[in-house]
Amino acid sequence: MTKMVKVWDAPTRLFHWSLLLLFCVMWYTGKQGGDLLHYHVLCGEAVGSLLLFRLIWGVCGSETARFSQFVKGPAGIRRYLKGDMAEHEQPGHNPLGGLMVLALLAVLLLQVGTGLFSSDVDSYTFDGPLAKFVASGVSESVTAFHKAFFNAILVLVALHVLAIVAYRLLKKQNLVRPMLTGYKEISGELAPLQFRPWFLALLALLLSAGGFYLLLSRL
């Protein structure tokens, strides 16, 4: 017997779709260059704030958003791959999905971090906010890495999309709809999930955005 269960809170869903939108804008503005690099830098700072929020929410957020809930060790991953882990045991991200979340957060944090020290090698008008603290040669090397590493992110994004498609075709599971509505069809008995109030998410976002802004403005 299956039933619709709320598994994703609004903050987690808003983070997911906001990150996707900003990622697309950064891709476009970075490729176009010129004056659009100004917006590329702004979007990068917004992504940095979002990533810090997700780290905070992954520790003290709603149950399915916590890293402790979906990051599993080798034993848990083996159980899932063997089909021994029931869906109601892992209502949010499955162990493989949890690894993908960690991988995406890691590469995006690295990309944002290198972007902060990158320089506009064409006009030096829209440098990263921390580029002034390193030698120009170092900044240009970081910029080259920043541009090349974006391909690694695209590979992970492609794998993420392929996994969603595979689940839809092979397991008949729609992973997109729950991230839109918050509700997922689950079979088996599921203990009530814990969701944090929205004001805690707002506080976490203010802390992350404010901390990121102070870091960049005070240096």
Protein backbone atom coordinates (compact mmCIF):
# COMPACT_ATOMS: atom_id res chain seq x y z
CA MET A 1 0.00 0.00 0.00
CA THR A 2 1.34 3.40 -0.96
CA LYS A 3 0.48 6.86 0.32
CA MET A 4 1.55 10.43 -0.34
CA VAL A 5 3.97 11.64 2.32
CA LYS A 6 5.62 15.02 2.73
CA VAL A 7 9.36 14.43 2.51
CA TRP A 8 10.85 17.80 1.43
CA ASP A 9 10.35 21.08 3.23
CA ALA A 10 10.01 24.41 1.41
CA PRO A 11 13.52 25.69 2.29
CA THR A 12 15.18 22.62 0.78
CA ARG A 13 13.08 22.86 -2.37
CA LEU A 14 13.68 26.59 -2.73
CA PHE A 15 17.40 26.02 -2.30
CA HIS A 16 17.39 23.37 -5.02
CA TRP A 17 15.56 25.43 -7.66
CA SER A 18 17.28 28.71 -6.76
CA LEU A 19 20.66 27.01 -7.13
CA LEU A 20 19.63 25.62 -10.52
CA LEU A 21 18.49 29.04 -11.73
CA LEU A 22 21.65 30.79 -10.53
CA PHE A 23 23.80 28.05 -12.05
CA CYS A 24 22.19 28.61 -15.46
CA VAL A 25 22.63 32.39 -15.20
CA MET A 26 26.27 32.00 -14.17
CA TRP A 27 26.89 29.65 -17.07
CA TYR A 28 25.45 32.13 -19.55
CA THR A 29 27.11 35.24 -18.14
CA GLY A 30 30.45 33.47 -17.78
CA LYS A 31 30.37 32.30 -21.40
CA GLN A 32 29.33 35.70 -22.74
CA GLY A 33 31.89 37.65 -20.72
CA GLY A 34 32.21 41.41 -21.13
CA ASP A 35 29.91 43.52 -18.97
CA LEU A 36 27.89 40.42 -18.09
CA LEU A 37 30.76 39.31 -15.87
CA HIS A 38 29.43 41.78 -13.32
CA TYR A 39 26.30 39.65 -12.98
CA HIS A 40 28.43 36.51 -13.03
CA VAL A 41 30.23 37.74 -9.92
CA LEU A 42 26.97 38.72 -8.20
CA CYS A 43 25.43 35.32 -8.94
CA GLY A 44 28.56 33.64 -7.64
CA GLU A 45 28.22 35.48 -4.35
CA ALA A 46 24.56 34.46 -4.19
CA VAL A 47 25.52 30.83 -4.81
CA GLY A 48 28.12 31.07 -2.06
CA SER A 49 25.45 32.26 0.36
CA LEU A 50 23.12 29.46 -0.70
CA LEU A 51 25.81 26.83 -0.23
CA LEU A 52 26.56 28.09 3.27
CA PHE A 53 22.83 27.96 4.00
CA ARG A 54 22.68 24.34 2.80
CA LEU A 55 25.57 23.39 5.06
CA ILE A 56 23.79 24.93 8.03
CA TRP A 57 20.46 23.37 7.05
CA GLY A 58 22.19 20.03 6.60
CA VAL A 59 23.07 20.06 10.29
CA CYS A 60 20.07 21.65 12.00
CA GLY A 61 17.36 21.58 9.32
CA SER A 62 14.42 19.30 8.70
CA GLU A 63 14.98 15.57 9.02
CA THR A 64 15.30 14.70 5.33
CA ALA A 65 17.61 17.68 4.75
CA ARG A 66 20.15 16.61 7.36
CA PHE A 67 23.38 15.01 6.21
CA SER A 68 23.10 12.50 9.04
CA GLN A 69 19.86 11.23 7.50
CA PHE A 70 21.05 10.50 3.97
CA VAL A 71 24.85 10.19 4.10
CA LYS A 72 25.50 6.48 4.57
CA GLY A 73 28.66 4.44 4.95
CA PRO A 74 29.74 1.50 2.77
CA ALA A 75 27.38 -0.91 4.55
CA GLY A 76 24.34 1.28 3.88
CA ILE A 77 25.33 1.79 0.25
CA ARG A 78 25.75 -1.99 -0.22
CA ARG A 79 22.32 -2.60 1.31
CA TYR A 80 20.76 -0.13 -1.09
CA LEU A 81 22.52 -1.56 -4.13
CA LYS A 82 21.43 -5.08 -3.16
CA GLY A 83 17.83 -3.90 -2.83
CA ASP A 84 17.66 -4.64 0.89
CA MET A 85 16.80 -1.06 1.90
CA ALA A 86 13.06 -0.39 1.89
CA GLU A 87 11.89 2.95 0.54
CA HIS A 88 10.35 4.01 3.82
CA GLU A 89 13.78 3.59 5.46
CA GLN A 90 15.16 6.31 3.18
CA PRO A 91 12.28 8.66 2.33
CA GLY A 92 14.50 11.51 1.16
CA HIS A 93 17.77 11.01 -0.68
CA ASN A 94 18.84 7.40 -1.09
CA PRO A 95 22.49 6.57 -0.26
CA LEU A 96 23.65 7.10 -3.85
CA GLY A 97 21.69 10.35 -4.06
CA GLY A 98 23.33 11.41 -0.82
CA LEU A 99 26.76 10.89 -2.35
CA MET A 100 25.72 13.00 -5.33
CA VAL A 101 24.55 15.79 -3.02
CA LEU A 102 27.92 15.81 -1.25
CA ALA A 103 29.80 15.76 -4.55
CA LEU A 104 27.80 18.65 -5.99
CA LEU A 105 28.17 20.73 -2.84
CA ALA A 106 31.92 20.08 -2.79
CA VAL A 107 32.56 21.02 -6.42
CA LEU A 108 30.32 24.09 -6.21
CA LEU A 109 32.08 25.28 -3.07
CA LEU A 110 35.41 24.84 -4.83
CA GLN A 111 34.13 26.65 -7.90
CA VAL A 112 32.83 29.58 -5.86
CA GLY A 113 36.04 29.67 -3.84
CA THR A 114 38.21 29.87 -6.94
CA GLY A 115 35.85 32.43 -8.45
CA LEU A 116 36.47 34.75 -5.53
CA PHE A 117 40.16 34.89 -6.44
CA SER A 118 39.71 34.90 -10.23
CA SER A 119 40.38 37.91 -12.43
CA ASP A 120 38.82 39.33 -15.56
CA VAL A 121 41.80 38.56 -17.81
CA ASP A 122 40.36 40.64 -20.67
CA SER A 123 39.71 44.00 -19.01
CA TYR A 124 40.47 43.40 -15.29
CA THR A 125 37.24 45.27 -14.61
CA PHE A 126 35.17 42.53 -13.01
CA ASP A 127 37.68 40.66 -10.88
CA GLY A 128 36.62 38.36 -8.09
CA PRO A 129 36.22 40.21 -4.76
CA LEU A 130 39.32 38.55 -3.27
CA ALA A 131 41.56 38.69 -6.37
CA LYS A 132 43.29 41.77 -4.97
CA PHE A 133 44.85 39.69 -2.20
CA VAL A 134 46.89 37.46 -4.53
CA ALA A 135 49.49 38.20 -7.20
CA SER A 136 48.16 38.75 -10.70
CA GLY A 137 49.92 35.61 -11.97
CA VAL A 138 48.33 33.52 -9.23
CA SER A 139 44.92 35.02 -9.94
CA GLU A 140 45.25 34.23 -13.64
CA SER A 141 46.19 30.62 -12.84
CA VAL A 142 43.18 30.36 -10.54
CA THR A 143 41.02 31.82 -13.31
CA ALA A 144 42.24 29.15 -15.74
CA PHE A 145 41.39 26.44 -13.21
CA HIS A 146 38.02 28.06 -12.51
CA LYS A 147 37.12 27.91 -16.20
CA ALA A 148 38.40 24.35 -16.74
CA PHE A 149 36.85 22.96 -13.56
CA PHE A 150 33.42 24.03 -14.75
CA ASN A 151 33.53 21.02 -17.10
CA ALA A 152 33.77 18.71 -14.08
CA ILE A 153 30.64 20.32 -12.67
CA LEU A 154 28.84 19.79 -15.97
CA VAL A 155 29.76 16.10 -15.84
CA LEU A 156 28.27 15.76 -12.36
CA VAL A 157 25.15 17.67 -13.39
CA ALA A 158 24.76 15.37 -16.41
CA LEU A 159 25.11 12.30 -14.16
CA HIS A 160 22.51 13.78 -11.81
CA VAL A 161 20.06 14.29 -14.69
CA LEU A 162 20.75 10.81 -16.09
CA ALA A 163 20.05 9.30 -12.67
CA ILE A 164 16.70 11.12 -12.53
CA VAL A 165 15.82 9.85 -16.00
CA ALA A 166 16.93 6.30 -15.11
CA TYR A 167 14.76 6.27 -11.99
CA ARG A 168 11.82 7.45 -14.08
CA LEU A 169 12.29 4.82 -16.79
CA LEU A 170 13.56 1.83 -14.83
CA LYS A 171 12.01 2.23 -11.39
CA LYS A 172 8.97 4.27 -12.43
CA GLN A 173 9.85 6.85 -9.78
CA ASN A 174 9.37 10.54 -10.45
CA LEU A 175 12.06 12.35 -8.48
CA VAL A 176 11.28 15.80 -9.86
CA ARG A 177 7.69 16.09 -8.67
CA PRO A 178 8.52 15.60 -4.97
CA MET A 179 11.13 18.36 -5.22
CA LEU A 180 8.41 20.60 -6.64
CA THR A 181 5.52 19.70 -4.36
CA GLY A 182 7.32 18.30 -1.33
CA TYR A 183 5.24 15.10 -1.42
CA LYS A 184 6.36 11.63 -2.45
CA GLU A 185 4.49 8.37 -2.90
CA ILE A 186 5.94 5.86 -0.43
CA SER A 187 5.01 2.31 0.42
CA GLY A 188 5.33 0.84 3.90
CA GLU A 189 5.02 2.32 7.35
CA LEU A 190 6.92 5.56 7.79
CA ALA A 191 7.45 7.25 11.12
CA PRO A 192 6.40 10.93 11.13
CA LEU A 193 9.19 13.08 9.73
CA GLN A 194 10.43 16.13 11.61
CA PHE A 195 10.25 19.50 9.86
CA ARG A 196 11.78 22.69 11.16
CA PRO A 197 9.74 25.92 11.17
CA TRP A 198 10.31 28.37 8.32
CA PHE A 199 11.75 31.09 10.55
CA LEU A 200 14.72 28.87 11.41
CA ALA A 201 15.42 28.51 7.69
CA LEU A 202 15.15 32.27 7.28
CA LEU A 203 17.56 32.76 10.18
CA ALA A 204 20.00 30.28 8.62
CA LEU A 205 19.79 32.13 5.29
CA LEU A 206 20.36 35.50 6.96
CA LEU A 207 23.35 34.12 8.82
CA SER A 208 24.87 32.60 5.69
CA ALA A 209 24.22 35.61 3.44
CA GLY A 210 25.25 38.08 6.14
CA GLY A 211 28.38 36.14 6.97
CA PHE A 212 29.35 35.87 3.31
CA TYR A 213 28.78 39.59 2.80
CA LEU A 214 30.81 40.54 5.86
CA LEU A 215 33.62 38.24 4.76
CA LEU A 216 33.86 39.94 1.38
CA SER A 217 33.21 43.51 2.50
CA ARG A 218 35.52 43.56 5.51
CA LEU A 219 38.57 42.08 3.81
